[in-house]
C-alpha cells in the first residue's frame, strides 16, 4: 500500500476585484497555498456600465457657429460623444422695403433687407431730398464756343450730390441769347430741373450786385438735463430758416479745449457715453445754405452746464 498524506489547507485570500464601467470584477475568494485547491470560489461581477451625463450644445445663429451635445460618463469620465461644430447659418435676407429715389420735394431710401431668422436689418438708409440745383453763374460772355456752366447740386443737409447721380444737357448755348441747362437725375435720385442762363456779347457785363445774406438768429438753449445711462438730453428753440444745428460740448467751461461737435436737424439731441461725475458745458448754433452755396451760421447760444450723476 502507498501511504497518502493528508494535510490541512493553508488558506490564502484572493482579493475582490472591483468592476468598472466597461470591465467585469470578481468576488473575494480563497485557495490553499500548499495545494492550490480552491476553498472559496470567486464569482464574476458584471461591468457597471456608463452613467451618462449630457453637456448641452449651442444652437448655431446667423453669425456664430454652434455645436452638438457632448455625452460623457459621470464615473470614469470617458467621452461617449464629443461636441461637433455646427457652422453659422448665414443671414437669409428678404426685401422688407423697396428702394425709393429721393426727389426735389421728398426724401427717399435705399433698399432695406431683413434676415427672417434673426431680424437683423441691412440698408434702408435715408436719401435726403434734392434741395439746391443752381448754376455757377447766370450770365456769361460769348467767346465763339459753346458755354457749359458748372452745376451746383446739394441735398437738404447741405451735402454735395455726386455728379454720377445726374446728367446735364445744354440748349441754345452756342450763341448770344438765353440758354438752358437741363439737369436730369438718376440712380438714387429722380426728377428734372431746368435752369436758364444769359449769354451776352463781348461787351463787359454790368457788375452784379453783391448778394446780401440774411443772418440767422442766435440759438437759445431750452434745457440741458442728465438722463439715466450717462446721457445728456439737449433741447433748444427752433431758429427760423435754419437747415440744421451744431451742438458742441466740453469739460472746459471756457471752450478752449476738448471740444466735441454733433449735428442735428431737429431741436433735441441726446449725447451718450459721457463720464459720470463730470460737468459738461454745452452750446448750440443754427446754420443754413446761402445763395452762394456756402453755409451761413448763427451766433452760438449762451453756455449751459450739466453734471452727469446717473
C-alpha atoms as a PDB file:
ATOM      1  CA  UNK A   1       0.000   0.000   0.000  1.00  0.00           C
ATOM      2  CA  UNK A   2       1.063   3.574  -0.715  1.00  0.00           C
ATOM      3  CA  UNK A   3       0.676   5.965   2.120  1.00  0.00           C
ATOM      4  CA  UNK A   4      -1.293   9.107   1.223  1.00  0.00           C
ATOM      5  CA  UNK A   5      -0.543  12.077   3.391  1.00  0.00           C
ATOM      6  CA  UNK A   6      -3.500  14.290   4.246  1.00  0.00           C
ATOM      7  CA  UNK A   7      -2.717  17.939   5.133  1.00  0.00           C
ATOM      8  CA  UNK A   8      -4.672  20.823   6.450  1.00  0.00           C
ATOM      9  CA  UNK A   9      -5.299  23.600   3.928  1.00  0.00           C
ATOM     10  CA  UNK A  10      -3.410  26.818   4.368  1.00  0.00           C
ATOM     11  CA  UNK A  11      -5.919  29.384   3.067  1.00  0.00           C
ATOM     12  CA  UNK A  12      -4.843  32.484   1.129  1.00  0.00           C
ATOM     13  CA  UNK A  13      -7.344  35.300   0.437  1.00  0.00           C
ATOM     14  CA  UNK A  14      -7.983  36.148  -3.209  1.00  0.00           C
ATOM     15  CA  UNK A  15      -8.878  39.852  -3.017  1.00  0.00           C
ATOM     16  CA  UNK A  16     -12.041  41.226  -4.504  1.00  0.00           C
ATOM     17  CA  UNK A  17     -11.643  42.897  -7.930  1.00  0.00           C
ATOM     18  CA  UNK A  18     -13.969  45.833  -8.320  1.00  0.00           C
ATOM     19  CA  UNK A  19     -15.809  46.061 -11.626  1.00  0.00           C
ATOM     20  CA  UNK A  20     -15.529  49.227 -13.774  1.00  0.00           C
ATOM     21  CA  UNK A  21     -17.877  50.804 -16.306  1.00  0.00           C
ATOM     22  CA  UNK A  22     -16.561  48.553 -19.073  1.00  0.00           C
ATOM     23  CA  UNK A  23     -14.786  45.640 -17.292  1.00  0.00           C
ATOM     24  CA  UNK A  24     -16.120  42.802 -15.054  1.00  0.00           C
ATOM     25  CA  UNK A  25     -14.874  42.212 -11.495  1.00  0.00           C
ATOM     26  CA  UNK A  26     -14.519  39.208  -9.118  1.00  0.00           C
ATOM     27  CA  UNK A  27     -15.828  38.485  -5.637  1.00  0.00           C
ATOM     28  CA  UNK A  28     -13.407  37.762  -2.815  1.00  0.00           C
ATOM     29  CA  UNK A  29     -12.330  34.054  -2.590  1.00  0.00           C
ATOM     30  CA  UNK A  30      -9.560  31.888  -1.224  1.00  0.00           C
ATOM     31  CA  UNK A  31      -7.325  28.959  -2.108  1.00  0.00           C
ATOM     32  CA  UNK A  32      -4.798  26.700  -0.386  1.00  0.00           C
ATOM     33  CA  UNK A  33      -1.257  27.959  -0.615  1.00  0.00           C
ATOM     34  CA  UNK A  34       0.008  24.365  -0.418  1.00  0.00           C
ATOM     35  CA  UNK A  35      -2.093  22.566  -2.968  1.00  0.00           C
ATOM     36  CA  UNK A  36      -3.810  25.485  -4.739  1.00  0.00           C
ATOM     37  CA  UNK A  37      -7.212  23.930  -4.154  1.00  0.00           C
ATOM     38  CA  UNK A  38      -9.969  26.492  -4.275  1.00  0.00           C
ATOM     39  CA  UNK A  39     -11.515  26.860  -0.875  1.00  0.00           C
ATOM     40  CA  UNK A  40     -13.976  29.705  -1.556  1.00  0.00           C
ATOM     41  CA  UNK A  41     -14.692  30.085  -5.240  1.00  0.00           C
ATOM     42  CA  UNK A  42     -14.816  33.598  -6.811  1.00  0.00           C
ATOM     43  CA  UNK A  43     -17.737  34.689  -8.960  1.00  0.00           C
ATOM     44  CA  UNK A  44     -17.802  37.232 -11.754  1.00  0.00           C
ATOM     45  CA  UNK A  45     -19.298  40.665 -11.011  1.00  0.00           C
ATOM     46  CA  UNK A  46     -20.778  42.242 -14.147  1.00  0.00           C
ATOM     47  CA  UNK A  47     -19.417  45.517 -15.604  1.00  0.00           C
ATOM     48  CA  UNK A  48     -21.262  48.522 -14.143  1.00  0.00           C
ATOM     49  CA  UNK A  49     -21.935  50.323 -17.437  1.00  0.00           C
ATOM     50  CA  UNK A  50     -21.535  54.087 -18.006  1.00  0.00           C
ATOM     51  CA  UNK A  51     -23.651  56.648 -16.167  1.00  0.00           C
ATOM     52  CA  UNK A  52     -24.181  59.149 -18.977  1.00  0.00           C
ATOM     53  CA  UNK A  53     -24.166  62.911 -18.445  1.00  0.00           C
ATOM     54  CA  UNK A  54     -25.205  65.260 -21.276  1.00  0.00           C
ATOM     55  CA  UNK A  55     -23.479  68.594 -21.676  1.00  0.00           C
ATOM     56  CA  UNK A  56     -25.744  70.984 -23.588  1.00  0.00           C
ATOM     57  CA  UNK A  57     -24.909  72.039 -27.107  1.00  0.00           C
ATOM     58  CA  UNK A  58     -25.285  75.506 -28.626  1.00  0.00           C
ATOM     59  CA  UNK A  59     -27.618  76.441 -31.439  1.00  0.00           C
ATOM     60  CA  UNK A  60     -25.904  77.999 -34.440  1.00  0.00           C
ATOM     61  CA  UNK A  61     -27.006  81.535 -35.321  1.00  0.00           C
ATOM     62  CA  UNK A  62     -26.656  83.552 -38.489  1.00  0.00           C
ATOM     63  CA  UNK A  63     -23.274  84.935 -37.404  1.00  0.00           C
ATOM     64  CA  UNK A  64     -21.901  82.443 -34.847  1.00  0.00           C
ATOM     65  CA  UNK A  65     -21.089  78.718 -35.013  1.00  0.00           C
ATOM     66  CA  UNK A  66     -22.905  76.302 -32.714  1.00  0.00           C
ATOM     67  CA  UNK A  67     -22.098  72.750 -31.547  1.00  0.00           C
ATOM     68  CA  UNK A  68     -23.909  69.480 -30.748  1.00  0.00           C
ATOM     69  CA  UNK A  69     -24.398  67.934 -27.288  1.00  0.00           C
ATOM     70  CA  UNK A  70     -21.457  66.240 -25.550  1.00  0.00           C
ATOM     71  CA  UNK A  71     -22.061  62.963 -23.656  1.00  0.00           C
ATOM     72  CA  UNK A  72     -19.588  61.587 -21.088  1.00  0.00           C
ATOM     73  CA  UNK A  73     -19.558  59.113 -18.166  1.00  0.00           C
ATOM     74  CA  UNK A  74     -20.027  60.657 -14.730  1.00  0.00           C
ATOM     75  CA  UNK A  75     -17.988  57.842 -13.150  1.00  0.00           C
ATOM     76  CA  UNK A  76     -14.952  57.298 -15.380  1.00  0.00           C
ATOM     77  CA  UNK A  77     -15.074  60.491 -17.431  1.00  0.00           C
ATOM     78  CA  UNK A  78     -14.906  58.645 -20.763  1.00  0.00           C
ATOM     79  CA  UNK A  79     -16.292  60.779 -23.614  1.00  0.00           C
ATOM     80  CA  UNK A  80     -19.018  58.860 -25.400  1.00  0.00           C
ATOM     81  CA  UNK A  81     -19.984  61.596 -27.851  1.00  0.00           C
ATOM     82  CA  UNK A  82     -17.860  64.731 -28.410  1.00  0.00           C
ATOM     83  CA  UNK A  83     -19.124  68.202 -29.346  1.00  0.00           C
ATOM     84  CA  UNK A  84     -19.356  68.664 -33.113  1.00  0.00           C
ATOM     85  CA  UNK A  85     -19.239  72.118 -34.747  1.00  0.00           C
ATOM     86  CA  UNK A  86     -22.395  73.388 -36.423  1.00  0.00           C
ATOM     87  CA  UNK A  87     -21.425  76.103 -38.949  1.00  0.00           C
ATOM     88  CA  UNK A  88     -23.089  79.538 -38.699  1.00  0.00           C
ATOM     89  CA  UNK A  89     -26.298  79.602 -40.722  1.00  0.00           C
ATOM     90  CA  UNK A  90     -25.569  82.909 -42.516  1.00  0.00           C
ATOM     91  CA  UNK A  91     -28.226  85.572 -42.925  1.00  0.00           C
ATOM     92  CA  UNK A  92     -31.245  84.852 -45.104  1.00  0.00           C
ATOM     93  CA  UNK A  93     -32.190  88.334 -46.227  1.00  0.00           C
ATOM     94  CA  UNK A  94     -35.534  89.247 -47.708  1.00  0.00           C
ATOM     95  CA  UNK A  95     -36.543  92.655 -49.024  1.00  0.00           C
ATOM     96  CA  UNK A  96     -38.733  94.462 -46.461  1.00  0.00           C
ATOM     97  CA  UNK A  97     -38.675  97.917 -48.040  1.00  0.00           C
ATOM     98  CA  UNK A  98     -38.152  98.699 -51.698  1.00  0.00           C
ATOM     99  CA  UNK A  99     -35.571 101.297 -52.703  1.00  0.00           C
ATOM    100  CA  UNK A 100     -37.108 104.723 -53.280  1.00  0.00           C
ATOM    101  CA  UNK A 101     -35.182 107.502 -55.040  1.00  0.00           C
ATOM    102  CA  UNK A 102     -35.160 110.971 -53.483  1.00  0.00           C
ATOM    103  CA  UNK A 103     -36.839 113.787 -55.429  1.00  0.00           C
ATOM    104  CA  UNK A 104     -36.807 117.560 -55.414  1.00  0.00           C
ATOM    105  CA  UNK A 105     -39.579 117.513 -52.791  1.00  0.00           C
ATOM    106  CA  UNK A 106     -39.209 114.361 -50.696  1.00  0.00           C
ATOM    107  CA  UNK A 107     -36.596 112.060 -49.154  1.00  0.00           C
ATOM    108  CA  UNK A 108     -36.004 108.565 -50.475  1.00  0.00           C
ATOM    109  CA  UNK A 109     -34.336 105.467 -49.076  1.00  0.00           C
ATOM    110  CA  UNK A 110     -32.042 102.636 -50.104  1.00  0.00           C
ATOM    111  CA  UNK A 111     -33.371  99.091 -50.297  1.00  0.00           C
ATOM    112  CA  UNK A 112     -33.928  97.556 -46.870  1.00  0.00           C
ATOM    113  CA  UNK A 113     -33.414  93.833 -46.252  1.00  0.00           C
ATOM    114  CA  UNK A 114     -34.176  91.875 -43.073  1.00  0.00           C
ATOM    115  CA  UNK A 115     -32.992  88.405 -42.057  1.00  0.00           C
ATOM    116  CA  UNK A 116     -36.034  86.186 -41.493  1.00  0.00           C
ATOM    117  CA  UNK A 117     -34.057  84.198 -38.903  1.00  0.00           C
ATOM    118  CA  UNK A 118     -32.598  86.862 -36.586  1.00  0.00           C
ATOM    119  CA  UNK A 119     -34.368  90.047 -37.759  1.00  0.00           C
ATOM    120  CA  UNK A 120     -31.107  91.870 -38.446  1.00  0.00           C
ATOM    121  CA  UNK A 121     -31.720  94.710 -40.901  1.00  0.00           C
ATOM    122  CA  UNK A 122     -29.386  95.997 -43.612  1.00  0.00           C
ATOM    123  CA  UNK A 123     -29.853  99.087 -45.756  1.00  0.00           C
ATOM    124  CA  UNK A 124     -32.911 101.303 -45.520  1.00  0.00           C
ATOM    125  CA  UNK A 125     -30.721 104.419 -45.256  1.00  0.00           C
ATOM    126  CA  UNK A 126     -32.307 107.814 -45.837  1.00  0.00           C
ATOM    127  CA  UNK A 127     -31.513 109.516 -49.153  1.00  0.00           C
ATOM    128  CA  UNK A 128     -32.100 113.182 -48.427  1.00  0.00           C
ATOM    129  CA  UNK A 129     -34.130 115.165 -50.947  1.00  0.00           C
ATOM    130  CA  UNK A 130     -32.532 117.425 -53.565  1.00  0.00           C
ATOM    131  CA  UNK A 131     -32.514 120.953 -52.151  1.00  0.00           C
ATOM    132  CA  UNK A 132     -30.258 123.126 -54.305  1.00  0.00           C
ATOM    133  CA  UNK A 133     -29.837 122.891 -58.091  1.00  0.00           C
ATOM    134  CA  UNK A 134     -28.128 126.008 -59.428  1.00  0.00           C
ATOM    135  CA  UNK A 135     -25.619 127.226 -61.995  1.00  0.00           C
ATOM    136  CA  UNK A 136     -22.240 128.613 -61.009  1.00  0.00           C
ATOM    137  CA  UNK A 137     -23.256 131.896 -62.663  1.00  0.00           C
ATOM    138  CA  UNK A 138     -26.318 133.178 -64.521  1.00  0.00           C
ATOM    139  CA  UNK A 139     -24.561 135.492 -67.034  1.00  0.00           C
ATOM    140  CA  UNK A 140     -21.727 134.598 -69.442  1.00  0.00           C
ATOM    141  CA  UNK A 141     -19.845 136.360 -72.234  1.00  0.00           C
ATOM    142  CA  UNK A 142     -19.907 134.655 -75.633  1.00  0.00           C
ATOM    143  CA  UNK A 143     -16.387 133.857 -76.853  1.00  0.00           C
ATOM    144  CA  UNK A 144     -17.190 131.918 -80.011  1.00  0.00           C
ATOM    145  CA  UNK A 145     -17.774 128.480 -78.499  1.00  0.00           C
ATOM    146  CA  UNK A 146     -20.490 126.656 -76.592  1.00  0.00           C
ATOM    147  CA  UNK A 147     -20.846 127.642 -72.947  1.00  0.00           C
ATOM    148  CA  UNK A 148     -21.439 124.839 -70.451  1.00  0.00           C
ATOM    149  CA  UNK A 149     -21.759 126.270 -66.908  1.00  0.00           C
ATOM    150  CA  UNK A 150     -20.938 124.061 -63.940  1.00  0.00           C
ATOM    151  CA  UNK A 151     -23.916 122.952 -61.853  1.00  0.00           C
ATOM    152  CA  UNK A 152     -24.102 123.081 -58.048  1.00  0.00           C
ATOM    153  CA  UNK A 153     -26.276 120.282 -56.588  1.00  0.00           C
ATOM    154  CA  UNK A 154     -26.807 119.724 -52.839  1.00  0.00           C
ATOM    155  CA  UNK A 155     -29.207 117.745 -50.685  1.00  0.00           C
ATOM    156  CA  UNK A 156     -31.285 119.030 -47.766  1.00  0.00           C
ATOM    157  CA  UNK A 157     -28.390 118.522 -45.317  1.00  0.00           C
ATOM    158  CA  UNK A 158     -26.065 120.671 -47.411  1.00  0.00           C
ATOM    159  CA  UNK A 159     -24.022 117.752 -48.760  1.00  0.00           C
ATOM    160  CA  UNK A 160     -22.918 117.865 -52.415  1.00  0.00           C
ATOM    161  CA  UNK A 161     -24.642 115.229 -54.545  1.00  0.00           C
ATOM    162  CA  UNK A 162     -22.134 113.272 -56.660  1.00  0.00           C
ATOM    163  CA  UNK A 163     -22.307 114.012 -60.389  1.00  0.00           C
ATOM    164  CA  UNK A 164     -22.762 110.265 -61.087  1.00  0.00           C
ATOM    165  CA  UNK A 165     -26.360 110.754 -59.965  1.00  0.00           C
ATOM    166  CA  UNK A 166     -27.290 113.264 -62.683  1.00  0.00           C
ATOM    167  CA  UNK A 167     -26.598 114.351 -66.253  1.00  0.00           C
ATOM    168  CA  UNK A 168     -26.610 117.893 -67.655  1.00  0.00           C
ATOM    169  CA  UNK A 169     -27.640 118.789 -71.207  1.00  0.00           C
ATOM    170  CA  UNK A 170     -27.500 122.302 -72.702  1.00  0.00           C
ATOM    171  CA  UNK A 171     -29.749 124.030 -75.255  1.00  0.00           C
ATOM    172  CA  UNK A 172     -29.099 127.250 -77.249  1.00  0.00           C
ATOM    173  CA  UNK A 173     -25.713 127.636 -75.542  1.00  0.00           C
ATOM    174  CA  UNK A 174     -23.672 128.405 -78.696  1.00  0.00           C
ATOM    175  CA  UNK A 175     -24.850 131.955 -79.380  1.00  0.00           C
ATOM    176  CA  UNK A 176     -25.853 135.201 -77.676  1.00  0.00           C
ATOM    177  CA  UNK A 177     -29.255 134.947 -76.007  1.00  0.00           C
ATOM    178  CA  UNK A 178     -30.991 132.837 -73.382  1.00  0.00           C
ATOM    179  CA  UNK A 179     -29.707 129.293 -72.971  1.00  0.00           C
ATOM    180  CA  UNK A 180     -30.879 126.391 -70.853  1.00  0.00           C
ATOM    181  CA  UNK A 181     -29.241 123.690 -68.781  1.00  0.00           C
ATOM    182  CA  UNK A 182     -31.388 120.628 -68.051  1.00  0.00           C
ATOM    183  CA  UNK A 183     -30.333 118.555 -65.029  1.00  0.00           C
ATOM    184  CA  UNK A 184     -31.767 115.021 -65.130  1.00  0.00           C
ATOM    185  CA  UNK A 185     -31.350 112.882 -62.019  1.00  0.00           C
ATOM    186  CA  UNK A 186     -30.775 109.112 -61.950  1.00  0.00           C
ATOM    187  CA  UNK A 187     -29.818 106.273 -59.602  1.00  0.00           C
ATOM    188  CA  UNK A 188     -30.626 107.249 -56.014  1.00  0.00           C
ATOM    189  CA  UNK A 189     -32.432 110.382 -57.259  1.00  0.00           C
ATOM    190  CA  UNK A 190     -35.179 111.132 -59.748  1.00  0.00           C
ATOM    191  CA  UNK A 191     -36.580 114.283 -61.337  1.00  0.00           C
ATOM    192  CA  UNK A 192     -35.595 117.038 -63.754  1.00  0.00           C
ATOM    193  CA  UNK A 193     -34.614 120.660 -63.152  1.00  0.00           C
ATOM    194  CA  UNK A 194     -34.398 123.255 -65.942  1.00  0.00           C
ATOM    195  CA  UNK A 195     -32.115 126.268 -65.425  1.00  0.00           C
ATOM    196  CA  UNK A 196     -31.809 129.357 -67.630  1.00  0.00           C
ATOM    197  CA  UNK A 197     -28.711 131.499 -68.144  1.00  0.00           C
ATOM    198  CA  UNK A 198     -27.862 134.503 -70.302  1.00  0.00           C
ATOM    199  CA  UNK A 199     -25.138 134.647 -72.938  1.00  0.00           C
ATOM    200  CA  UNK A 200     -24.106 138.211 -73.779  1.00  0.00           C
ATOM    201  CA  UNK A 201     -21.965 139.707 -76.479  1.00  0.00           C
ATOM    202  CA  UNK A 202     -18.332 140.525 -75.737  1.00  0.00           C
ATOM    203  CA  UNK A 203     -19.062 143.882 -74.104  1.00  0.00           C
ATOM    204  CA  UNK A 204     -18.271 143.933 -70.447  1.00  0.00           C
ATOM    205  CA  UNK A 205     -21.341 142.922 -68.478  1.00  0.00           C
ATOM    206  CA  UNK A 206     -22.681 145.212 -65.804  1.00  0.00           C
ATOM    207  CA  UNK A 207     -21.407 144.385 -62.383  1.00  0.00           C
ATOM    208  CA  UNK A 208     -23.848 142.321 -60.444  1.00  0.00           C
ATOM    209  CA  UNK A 209     -24.969 143.495 -57.052  1.00  0.00           C
ATOM    210  CA  UNK A 210     -23.347 141.574 -54.250  1.00  0.00           C
ATOM    211  CA  UNK A 211     -25.567 139.036 -52.577  1.00  0.00           C
ATOM    212  CA  UNK A 212     -26.560 140.116 -49.097  1.00  0.00           C
ATOM    213  CA  UNK A 213     -27.154 137.046 -46.999  1.00  0.00           C
ATOM    214  CA  UNK A 214     -29.829 137.155 -44.320  1.00  0.00           C
ATOM    215  CA  UNK A 215     -28.287 136.356 -40.966  1.00  0.00           C
ATOM    216  CA  UNK A 216     -29.724 133.613 -38.761  1.00  0.00           C
ATOM    217  CA  UNK A 217     -30.960 134.383 -35.265  1.00  0.00           C
ATOM    218  CA  UNK A 218     -28.915 133.397 -32.238  1.00  0.00           C
ATOM    219  CA  UNK A 219     -29.868 129.962 -30.913  1.00  0.00           C
ATOM    220  CA  UNK A 220     -31.426 129.684 -27.444  1.00  0.00           C
ATOM    221  CA  UNK A 221     -30.862 126.599 -25.282  1.00  0.00           C
ATOM    222  CA  UNK A 222     -34.053 125.489 -23.505  1.00  0.00           C
ATOM    223  CA  UNK A 223     -32.674 122.777 -21.260  1.00  0.00           C
ATOM    224  CA  UNK A 224     -29.644 120.543 -20.641  1.00  0.00           C
ATOM    225  CA  UNK A 225     -30.570 117.557 -18.460  1.00  0.00           C
ATOM    226  CA  UNK A 226     -28.906 114.339 -17.300  1.00  0.00           C
ATOM    227  CA  UNK A 227     -30.770 111.151 -18.216  1.00  0.00           C
ATOM    228  CA  UNK A 228     -30.127 107.621 -16.904  1.00  0.00           C
ATOM    229  CA  UNK A 229     -27.252 105.847 -18.631  1.00  0.00           C
ATOM    230  CA  UNK A 230     -24.739 108.755 -18.607  1.00  0.00           C
ATOM    231  CA  UNK A 231     -26.742 110.644 -21.235  1.00  0.00           C
ATOM    232  CA  UNK A 232     -27.231 114.404 -21.626  1.00  0.00           C
ATOM    233  CA  UNK A 233     -30.530 115.468 -23.235  1.00  0.00           C
ATOM    234  CA  UNK A 234     -30.195 118.838 -25.003  1.00  0.00           C
ATOM    235  CA  UNK A 235     -33.126 120.915 -26.263  1.00  0.00           C
ATOM    236  CA  UNK A 236     -33.315 124.359 -27.841  1.00  0.00           C
ATOM    237  CA  UNK A 237     -35.758 126.706 -29.530  1.00  0.00           C
ATOM    238  CA  UNK A 238     -36.303 126.439 -33.290  1.00  0.00           C
ATOM    239  CA  UNK A 239     -34.449 129.055 -35.345  1.00  0.00           C
ATOM    240  CA  UNK A 240     -36.396 130.445 -38.324  1.00  0.00           C
ATOM    241  CA  UNK A 241     -34.948 129.418 -41.752  1.00  0.00           C
ATOM    242  CA  UNK A 242     -32.378 127.078 -40.177  1.00  0.00           C
ATOM    243  CA  UNK A 243     -31.494 123.910 -42.109  1.00  0.00           C
ATOM    244  CA  UNK A 244     -29.722 122.305 -39.191  1.00  0.00           C
ATOM    245  CA  UNK A 245     -27.854 122.801 -35.939  1.00  0.00           C
ATOM    246  CA  UNK A 246     -24.412 122.213 -34.474  1.00  0.00           C
ATOM    247  CA  UNK A 247     -24.133 121.229 -30.803  1.00  0.00           C
ATOM    248  CA  UNK A 248     -20.779 121.498 -29.048  1.00  0.00           C
ATOM    249  CA  UNK A 249     -19.868 120.156 -25.594  1.00  0.00           C
ATOM    250  CA  UNK A 250     -16.698 120.093 -23.496  1.00  0.00           C
ATOM    251  CA  UNK A 251     -15.396 119.744 -19.939  1.00  0.00           C
ATOM    252  CA  UNK A 252     -13.710 123.157 -20.334  1.00  0.00           C
ATOM    253  CA  UNK A 253     -16.124 125.952 -19.358  1.00  0.00           C
ATOM    254  CA  UNK A 254     -14.093 128.423 -21.462  1.00  0.00           C
ATOM    255  CA  UNK A 255     -14.500 126.241 -24.601  1.00  0.00           C
ATOM    256  CA  UNK A 256     -10.769 126.306 -25.334  1.00  0.00           C
ATOM    257  CA  UNK A 257     -10.013 122.572 -25.492  1.00  0.00           C
ATOM    258  CA  UNK A 258     -11.565 119.117 -25.716  1.00  0.00           C
ATOM    259  CA  UNK A 259     -14.489 120.412 -27.788  1.00  0.00           C
ATOM    260  CA  UNK A 260     -16.714 117.815 -29.463  1.00  0.00           C
ATOM    261  CA  UNK A 261     -19.359 118.613 -32.091  1.00  0.00           C
ATOM    262  CA  UNK A 262     -22.554 116.790 -33.082  1.00  0.00           C
ATOM    263  CA  UNK A 263     -25.015 117.709 -35.812  1.00  0.00           C
ATOM    264  CA  UNK A 264     -28.813 117.742 -35.623  1.00  0.00           C
ATOM    265  CA  UNK A 265     -31.771 118.577 -37.831  1.00  0.00           C
ATOM    266  CA  UNK A 266     -34.330 118.666 -35.004  1.00  0.00           C
ATOM    267  CA  UNK A 267     -34.372 120.748 -31.812  1.00  0.00           C
ATOM    268  CA  UNK A 268     -33.373 117.942 -29.466  1.00  0.00           C
ATOM    269  CA  UNK A 269     -30.266 115.766 -29.173  1.00  0.00           C
ATOM    270  CA  UNK A 270     -29.050 113.002 -26.871  1.00  0.00           C
ATOM    271  CA  UNK A 271     -25.307 112.889 -26.133  1.00  0.00           C
ATOM    272  CA  UNK A 272     -24.274 109.427 -24.927  1.00  0.00           C
ATOM    273  CA  UNK A 273     -21.235 107.773 -23.291  1.00  0.00           C
ATOM    274  CA  UNK A 274     -20.451 110.723 -21.008  1.00  0.00           C
ATOM    275  CA  UNK A 275     -18.359 110.362 -17.860  1.00  0.00           C
ATOM    276  CA  UNK A 276     -20.179 110.007 -14.545  1.00  0.00           C
ATOM    277  CA  UNK A 277     -19.393 112.733 -12.035  1.00  0.00           C
ATOM    278  CA  UNK A 278     -18.150 115.158 -14.700  1.00  0.00           C
ATOM    279  CA  UNK A 279     -19.684 118.558 -15.540  1.00  0.00           C
ATOM    280  CA  UNK A 280     -20.154 119.301 -19.237  1.00  0.00           C
ATOM    281  CA  UNK A 281     -20.663 122.695 -20.866  1.00  0.00           C
ATOM    282  CA  UNK A 282     -22.965 122.886 -23.878  1.00  0.00           C
ATOM    283  CA  UNK A 283     -23.779 125.413 -26.612  1.00  0.00           C
ATOM    284  CA  UNK A 284     -25.676 125.329 -29.929  1.00  0.00           C
ATOM    285  CA  UNK A 285     -25.905 127.337 -33.137  1.00  0.00           C
ATOM    286  CA  UNK A 286     -28.055 127.170 -36.279  1.00  0.00           C
ATOM    287  CA  UNK A 287     -26.953 127.053 -39.928  1.00  0.00           C
ATOM    288  CA  UNK A 288     -28.424 127.352 -43.422  1.00  0.00           C
ATOM    289  CA  UNK A 289     -27.154 127.253 -47.014  1.00  0.00           C
ATOM    290  CA  UNK A 290     -26.646 130.676 -48.560  1.00  0.00           C
ATOM    291  CA  UNK A 291     -27.294 131.580 -52.188  1.00  0.00           C
ATOM    292  CA  UNK A 292     -23.547 131.316 -52.804  1.00  0.00           C
ATOM    293  CA  UNK A 293     -23.663 127.643 -51.805  1.00  0.00           C
ATOM    294  CA  UNK A 294     -21.772 128.206 -48.557  1.00  0.00           C
ATOM    295  CA  UNK A 295     -23.042 127.580 -45.044  1.00  0.00           C
ATOM    296  CA  UNK A 296     -24.167 130.587 -43.015  1.00  0.00           C
ATOM    297  CA  UNK A 297     -24.031 130.205 -39.239  1.00  0.00           C
ATOM    298  CA  UNK A 298     -25.944 131.998 -36.496  1.00  0.00           C
ATOM    299  CA  UNK A 299     -24.304 133.039 -33.233  1.00  0.00           C
ATOM    300  CA  UNK A 300     -23.591 130.487 -30.529  1.00  0.00           C
ATOM    301  CA  UNK A 301     -26.169 130.270 -27.736  1.00  0.00           C
ATOM    302  CA  UNK A 302     -25.344 131.021 -24.153  1.00  0.00           C
ATOM    303  CA  UNK A 303     -23.493 128.178 -22.465  1.00  0.00           C
ATOM    304  CA  UNK A 304     -25.364 125.819 -20.148  1.00  0.00           C
ATOM    305  CA  UNK A 305     -23.862 123.109 -17.962  1.00  0.00           C
ATOM    306  CA  UNK A 306     -24.959 119.675 -16.807  1.00  0.00           C
ATOM    307  CA  UNK A 307     -23.396 117.320 -14.238  1.00  0.00           C
ATOM    308  CA  UNK A 308     -23.637 113.597 -15.038  1.00  0.00           C
ATOM    309  CA  UNK A 309     -24.963 111.953 -11.863  1.00  0.00           C
ATOM    310  CA  UNK A 310     -26.648 108.862 -13.274  1.00  0.00           C
END
